[in-house]
């Protein structure tokens, strides 16, 4: 006799709930009361629907689900981290609930509450600081839910931290420009950003080693890490003052904004302006291909997920850990020695 394939509709009918409710209960997302969740899981087990996962959940009362809070999944930087997290989680039998908070306090609070309602077993975040983030991370840890910071705010007390050496990455980039002979080097950073501060520290270290005074007038402050912000900030700077011979943008999107300004203003890269971007997502396919500081995003996501799952499975006996990954300078055709005048 041919075996009937059990569908989620059959589970919903058996449990006396809608298909949408059955889907939320089985997928561990959205709000479902504990009574309804139990009813759906029991119906799924009875009908042998996705038997292994359901039986395991019923037996252990675990959800095998983790949450990932990030600023914007359309930003390839965070997409790379998310892929690393999901690859490790999937291989270990866990699901990932992914939420974009747009660095908004209301969204941060709402998504954390959703994580708690969904009974996630751990949380990873990559978001900048806001008061709700601190409060919700503290609440999660107090509730026994481990939290790992992967390129997020270090002002929030996560149990483990994964990031790369931002200071060292920009030290390498600035030193390379100095070795080429550049001395008027502009820096495009983000105002009130902790990682921008660390990157600036690396730049200053290289300048000091070469005996080149740090010039605050060459520092451009963008409002955020978007391409639009990079464009607007660079447009004002390059229009209103003597142009530098090189520019280091503290992320790829900011540097793409500079490329747009250069095209509009007739600035040739690298003939008139050498340009380096932090991060190496699409830098190699731009015109011209950008010299870039490569950040190990996928690896960071894998490590963050591994640390979190180790905490989930071993309990609270692991001391706090900090994993610092190395950033690499990738040389392409957007940089060259400055032109000699005269």
Protein backbone atom coordinates (compact mmCIF):
# COMPACT_ATOMS: atom_id res chain seq x y z
CA UNK A 1 0.00 0.00 0.00
CA UNK A 2 1.31 3.43 -0.94
CA UNK A 3 2.19 5.52 2.11
CA UNK A 4 0.28 8.79 2.35
CA UNK A 5 2.42 11.93 2.57
CA UNK A 6 1.41 13.90 5.65
CA UNK A 7 1.18 17.64 5.03
CA UNK A 8 0.98 20.61 7.37
CA UNK A 9 -2.73 20.83 6.48
CA UNK A 10 -3.20 17.37 8.02
CA UNK A 11 -1.39 18.48 11.16
CA UNK A 12 -3.50 21.64 11.40
CA UNK A 13 -6.71 19.63 10.95
CA UNK A 14 -5.66 17.12 13.61
CA UNK A 15 -4.78 19.89 16.08
CA UNK A 16 -7.90 21.93 15.30
CA UNK A 17 -5.95 25.05 14.32
CA UNK A 18 -5.30 27.04 11.15
CA UNK A 19 -2.46 26.14 8.78
CA UNK A 20 -0.76 29.45 9.66
CA UNK A 21 -0.86 28.64 13.38
CA UNK A 22 0.47 25.12 12.77
CA UNK A 23 3.29 26.57 10.67
CA UNK A 24 4.27 29.06 13.41
CA UNK A 25 4.20 26.35 16.07
CA UNK A 26 6.37 23.95 14.04
CA UNK A 27 8.71 26.64 12.77
CA UNK A 28 9.18 28.36 16.15
CA UNK A 29 8.42 31.86 14.90
CA UNK A 30 5.72 34.40 15.69
CA UNK A 31 3.38 34.12 18.67
CA UNK A 32 1.72 30.82 19.58
CA UNK A 33 0.44 30.01 23.07
CA UNK A 34 2.18 27.15 24.88
CA UNK A 35 -1.06 25.16 24.97
CA UNK A 36 -1.55 25.51 21.20
CA UNK A 37 2.13 24.75 20.46
CA UNK A 38 1.90 21.55 22.49
CA UNK A 39 -1.30 20.54 20.71
CA UNK A 40 0.32 21.06 17.28
CA UNK A 41 3.51 19.19 18.21
CA UNK A 42 1.49 16.27 19.55
CA UNK A 43 -0.60 16.19 16.36
CA UNK A 44 2.55 16.25 14.22
CA UNK A 45 4.09 13.43 16.24
CA UNK A 46 0.90 11.35 16.00
CA UNK A 47 0.81 11.76 12.20
CA UNK A 48 4.58 11.19 11.91
CA UNK A 49 5.04 14.63 10.32
CA UNK A 50 8.75 15.56 10.28
CA UNK A 51 8.97 12.87 12.92
CA UNK A 52 12.58 13.19 14.04
CA UNK A 53 12.52 16.91 14.81
CA UNK A 54 9.09 16.84 16.40
CA UNK A 55 9.84 13.82 18.56
CA UNK A 56 13.11 15.37 19.68
CA UNK A 57 11.38 18.63 20.60
CA UNK A 58 8.69 16.79 22.58
CA UNK A 59 11.25 14.64 24.35
CA UNK A 60 13.66 17.40 25.36
CA UNK A 61 11.33 20.43 25.42
CA UNK A 62 13.97 22.20 23.32
CA UNK A 63 13.34 24.29 20.21
CA UNK A 64 16.75 23.91 18.50
CA UNK A 65 16.35 27.50 17.33
CA UNK A 66 18.60 30.54 17.65
CA UNK A 67 17.94 34.21 16.88
CA UNK A 68 20.10 36.57 14.84
CA UNK A 69 19.55 40.34 15.14
CA UNK A 70 21.25 42.49 12.49
CA UNK A 71 20.85 46.07 11.20
CA UNK A 72 20.07 45.36 7.52
CA UNK A 73 20.12 42.07 5.58
CA UNK A 74 20.37 44.00 2.28
CA UNK A 75 23.88 45.06 3.35
CA UNK A 76 26.17 42.31 1.96
CA UNK A 77 28.41 42.59 5.02
CA UNK A 78 25.67 41.28 7.32
CA UNK A 79 24.43 38.84 4.70
CA UNK A 80 27.89 37.22 4.77
CA UNK A 81 27.75 36.86 8.55
CA UNK A 82 24.20 35.48 8.37
CA UNK A 83 25.27 32.84 5.87
CA UNK A 84 28.10 31.72 8.13
CA UNK A 85 25.72 31.48 11.10
CA UNK A 86 23.13 29.51 9.15
CA UNK A 87 25.67 27.10 7.66
CA UNK A 88 26.89 26.05 11.11
CA UNK A 89 23.41 26.05 12.68
CA UNK A 90 21.92 23.90 9.90
CA UNK A 91 24.74 21.38 10.11
CA UNK A 92 24.10 21.04 13.85
CA UNK A 93 20.31 20.66 13.50
CA UNK A 94 19.34 24.21 14.51
CA UNK A 95 17.12 26.77 12.77
CA UNK A 96 17.83 30.51 12.69
CA UNK A 97 15.28 33.30 13.14
CA UNK A 98 16.68 36.40 11.43
CA UNK A 99 15.45 39.93 12.21
CA UNK A 100 16.47 43.36 10.83
CA UNK A 101 16.23 46.09 13.45
CA UNK A 102 17.45 49.08 11.35
CA UNK A 103 19.16 50.16 14.60
CA UNK A 104 15.72 51.21 15.82
CA UNK A 105 14.96 50.99 19.55
CA UNK A 106 11.34 49.92 19.09
CA UNK A 107 12.23 47.19 16.60
CA UNK A 108 15.10 45.98 18.80
CA UNK A 109 12.79 45.56 21.78
CA UNK A 110 10.01 43.94 19.76
CA UNK A 111 12.30 41.42 18.06
CA UNK A 112 13.99 40.43 21.33
CA UNK A 113 10.58 39.82 22.88
CA UNK A 114 9.68 37.71 19.86
CA UNK A 115 12.89 35.70 20.35
CA UNK A 116 11.89 35.05 23.96
CA UNK A 117 8.32 34.08 23.02
CA UNK A 118 9.71 31.71 20.41
CA UNK A 119 11.92 30.16 23.09
CA UNK A 120 15.14 30.57 21.14
CA UNK A 121 18.04 28.83 22.86
CA UNK A 122 20.58 31.54 22.08
CA UNK A 123 20.99 34.90 20.34
CA UNK A 124 23.65 36.48 18.11
CA UNK A 125 23.58 40.20 17.36
CA UNK A 126 25.52 42.42 14.92
CA UNK A 127 23.81 45.73 15.65
CA UNK A 128 25.20 49.07 16.82
CA UNK A 129 24.45 50.33 20.30
CA UNK A 130 21.06 51.51 21.50
CA UNK A 131 19.53 51.45 24.98
CA UNK A 132 17.03 48.74 24.08
CA UNK A 133 19.82 46.46 22.85
CA UNK A 134 21.66 46.69 26.18
CA UNK A 135 18.49 46.13 28.21
CA UNK A 136 17.30 43.17 26.14
CA UNK A 137 20.71 41.45 26.06
CA UNK A 138 20.97 41.75 29.84
CA UNK A 139 17.44 40.38 30.21
CA UNK A 140 18.18 37.42 27.92
CA UNK A 141 21.39 36.50 29.78
CA UNK A 142 19.61 36.77 33.15
CA UNK A 143 16.98 34.38 31.75
CA UNK A 144 19.68 31.83 30.93
CA UNK A 145 19.79 32.52 27.19
CA UNK A 146 23.40 32.92 25.97
CA UNK A 147 24.19 35.92 23.74
CA UNK A 148 27.12 36.32 21.33
CA UNK A 149 28.22 39.61 19.78
CA UNK A 150 29.42 39.30 16.16
CA UNK A 151 30.60 42.72 14.91
CA UNK A 152 27.98 44.43 17.08
CA UNK A 153 28.28 47.03 19.82
CA UNK A 154 30.93 46.24 22.43
CA UNK A 155 29.13 48.51 24.88
CA UNK A 156 26.66 45.67 25.45
CA UNK A 157 27.71 42.83 27.81
CA UNK A 158 27.51 39.75 25.55
CA UNK A 159 29.06 36.51 26.81
CA UNK A 160 31.30 36.06 23.77
CA UNK A 161 32.56 38.55 21.16
CA UNK A 162 33.67 37.88 17.57
CA UNK A 163 35.15 40.67 15.51
CA UNK A 164 38.21 41.52 13.45
CA UNK A 165 41.18 43.76 14.25
CA UNK A 166 39.86 46.98 12.74
CA UNK A 167 42.84 48.99 13.96
CA UNK A 168 45.33 46.61 12.33
CA UNK A 169 43.39 46.51 9.04
CA UNK A 170 43.47 50.28 8.61
CA UNK A 171 47.06 50.42 9.82
CA UNK A 172 47.98 48.18 6.88
CA UNK A 173 46.01 50.34 4.42
CA UNK A 174 47.44 53.64 5.66
CA UNK A 175 50.97 52.27 5.75
CA UNK A 176 50.61 51.07 2.15
CA UNK A 177 49.51 54.55 1.00
CA UNK A 178 52.40 56.14 2.88
CA UNK A 179 54.86 53.71 1.30
CA UNK A 180 53.54 54.76 -2.12
CA UNK A 181 54.47 58.33 -1.23
CA UNK A 182 51.09 59.80 -0.27
CA UNK A 183 51.05 62.41 2.48
CA UNK A 184 47.69 64.18 1.95
CA UNK A 185 45.45 61.22 2.82
CA UNK A 186 41.77 61.82 3.58
CA UNK A 187 39.87 59.50 5.90
CA UNK A 188 36.12 58.94 5.51
CA UNK A 189 34.77 57.69 8.84
CA UNK A 190 31.39 57.51 10.57
CA UNK A 191 30.58 59.93 13.36
CA UNK A 192 30.20 58.38 16.84
CA UNK A 193 31.09 54.88 15.64
CA UNK A 194 33.21 52.70 17.91
CA UNK A 195 34.66 50.70 15.02
CA UNK A 196 35.47 53.92 13.14
CA UNK A 197 37.39 55.08 16.21
CA UNK A 198 39.42 51.86 16.23
CA UNK A 199 40.11 52.20 12.52
CA UNK A 200 41.22 55.80 13.02
CA UNK A 201 43.61 54.64 15.75
CA UNK A 202 45.27 52.31 13.21
CA UNK A 203 45.63 55.16 10.71
CA UNK A 204 47.21 57.41 13.32
CA UNK A 205 49.69 54.72 14.31
CA UNK A 206 50.90 54.38 10.70
CA UNK A 207 51.18 58.17 10.29
CA UNK A 208 53.18 58.40 13.50
CA UNK A 209 55.60 55.70 12.36
CA UNK A 210 56.25 57.64 9.13
CA UNK A 211 56.63 60.94 10.95
CA UNK A 212 53.60 62.42 9.21
CA UNK A 213 51.49 64.70 11.47
CA UNK A 214 47.84 63.72 11.87
CA UNK A 215 45.70 66.37 10.15
CA UNK A 216 42.12 66.57 11.54
CA UNK A 217 41.06 68.66 8.52
CA UNK A 218 41.55 65.55 6.34
CA UNK A 219 38.99 63.56 8.37
CA UNK A 220 35.52 63.45 6.78
CA UNK A 221 32.62 62.42 9.03
CA UNK A 222 29.64 60.64 7.50
CA UNK A 223 26.39 60.19 9.41
CA UNK A 224 26.28 56.41 8.82
CA UNK A 225 27.86 53.63 6.74
CA UNK A 226 25.56 54.02 3.72
CA UNK A 227 26.54 54.80 0.16
CA UNK A 228 24.35 57.91 0.27
CA UNK A 229 26.14 59.23 3.35
CA UNK A 230 29.52 58.57 1.75
CA UNK A 231 28.44 60.39 -1.38
CA UNK A 232 27.11 63.47 0.42
CA UNK A 233 30.07 63.77 2.78
CA UNK A 234 32.68 63.30 0.04
CA UNK A 235 30.85 65.69 -2.29
CA UNK A 236 31.09 68.55 0.22
CA UNK A 237 34.68 67.77 1.16
CA UNK A 238 36.11 67.37 -2.35
CA UNK A 239 34.28 70.42 -3.65
CA UNK A 240 35.24 72.85 -0.89
CA UNK A 241 38.96 72.22 -0.37
CA UNK A 242 42.22 71.25 -2.07
CA UNK A 243 41.85 67.62 -3.07
CA UNK A 244 43.92 65.00 -1.21
CA UNK A 245 46.05 62.54 -3.19
CA UNK A 246 44.43 59.51 -1.51
CA UNK A 247 41.31 58.60 0.44
CA UNK A 248 40.55 55.69 2.77
CA UNK A 249 36.84 54.93 3.23
CA UNK A 250 35.93 53.04 6.38
CA UNK A 251 33.52 50.74 4.55
CA UNK A 252 32.78 49.66 1.00
CA UNK A 253 29.49 51.54 0.67
CA UNK A 254 31.13 54.81 1.76
CA UNK A 255 33.84 54.27 -0.86
CA UNK A 256 31.28 53.58 -3.57
CA UNK A 257 29.79 56.97 -2.67
CA UNK A 258 33.25 58.49 -3.27
CA UNK A 259 33.41 56.77 -6.67
CA UNK A 260 30.13 58.47 -7.63
CA UNK A 261 31.47 61.87 -6.58
CA UNK A 262 34.69 61.28 -8.52
CA UNK A 263 32.76 60.48 -11.69
CA UNK A 264 30.61 63.61 -11.35
CA UNK A 265 33.56 65.88 -10.56
CA UNK A 266 35.91 64.51 -13.19
CA UNK A 267 38.33 63.09 -10.61
CA UNK A 268 40.25 60.17 -12.10
CA UNK A 269 40.93 57.17 -9.91
CA UNK A 270 43.77 56.43 -9.30
CA UNK A 271 45.45 59.14 -11.42
CA UNK A 272 44.04 62.01 -9.37
CA UNK A 273 42.94 60.17 -6.24
CA UNK A 274 43.98 56.77 -4.88
CA UNK A 275 41.06 55.07 -3.15
CA UNK A 276 40.91 52.21 -0.62
CA UNK A 277 37.74 50.66 0.80
CA UNK A 278 37.27 48.77 4.03
CA UNK A 279 35.56 45.45 3.21
CA UNK A 280 35.82 43.45 0.03
CA UNK A 281 32.37 42.37 -1.10
CA UNK A 282 32.04 43.85 -4.58
CA UNK A 283 35.19 46.02 -4.55
CA UNK A 284 36.86 43.74 -7.10
CA UNK A 285 34.14 44.19 -9.75
CA UNK A 286 33.82 47.97 -9.50
CA UNK A 287 35.37 50.33 -12.05
CA UNK A 288 38.16 50.63 -11.28
CA UNK A 289 38.54 47.56 -9.06
CA UNK A 290 39.18 48.90 -5.56
CA UNK A 291 42.09 48.09 -3.31
CA UNK A 292 40.32 46.88 -0.18
CA UNK A 293 40.68 45.59 3.36
CA UNK A 294 39.04 42.16 3.35
CA UNK A 295 37.00 41.34 6.46
CA UNK A 296 36.33 37.63 7.22
CA UNK A 297 32.52 37.90 7.44
CA UNK A 298 31.50 34.30 6.72
CA UNK A 299 34.19 32.96 9.04
CA UNK A 300 33.02 35.34 11.77
CA UNK A 301 29.45 34.06 11.42
CA UNK A 302 30.62 30.46 11.60
CA UNK A 303 32.67 31.12 14.72
CA UNK A 304 29.85 33.09 16.41
CA UNK A 305 27.40 30.24 15.78
CA UNK A 306 29.90 27.64 17.02
CA UNK A 307 30.54 29.59 20.24
CA UNK A 308 26.80 30.02 20.82
CA UNK A 309 25.94 26.35 20.22
CA UNK A 310 28.77 25.31 22.53
CA UNK A 311 27.26 27.47 25.29
CA UNK A 312 23.78 26.09 24.61
CA UNK A 313 24.96 22.50 24.82
CA UNK A 314 27.49 22.82 27.66
CA UNK A 315 25.74 25.33 29.91
CA UNK A 316 27.14 28.27 31.89
CA UNK A 317 30.56 26.85 32.78
CA UNK A 318 32.44 28.49 29.92
CA UNK A 319 34.28 31.77 30.70
CA UNK A 320 33.70 34.78 28.38
CA UNK A 321 35.64 34.56 25.11
CA UNK A 322 36.82 37.13 22.58
CA UNK A 323 37.83 35.99 19.09
CA UNK A 324 39.75 38.55 17.01
CA UNK A 325 40.16 37.75 13.31
CA UNK A 326 42.75 39.25 10.96
CA UNK A 327 41.88 41.66 8.15
CA UNK A 328 43.87 41.45 4.91
CA UNK A 329 44.84 44.17 2.43
CA UNK A 330 43.93 43.20 -1.16
CA UNK A 331 45.78 45.28 -3.77
CA UNK A 332 44.00 46.32 -6.99
CA UNK A 333 44.15 49.14 -9.54
CA UNK A 334 42.52 51.99 -7.54
CA UNK A 335 45.83 52.93 -5.88
CA UNK A 336 49.16 54.18 -7.20
CA UNK A 337 51.96 56.54 -6.27
CA UNK A 338 50.90 60.22 -6.25
CA UNK A 339 51.73 62.37 -9.27
CA UNK A 340 54.72 64.62 -8.88
CA UNK A 341 53.92 68.27 -9.45
CA UNK A 342 56.06 70.55 -11.55
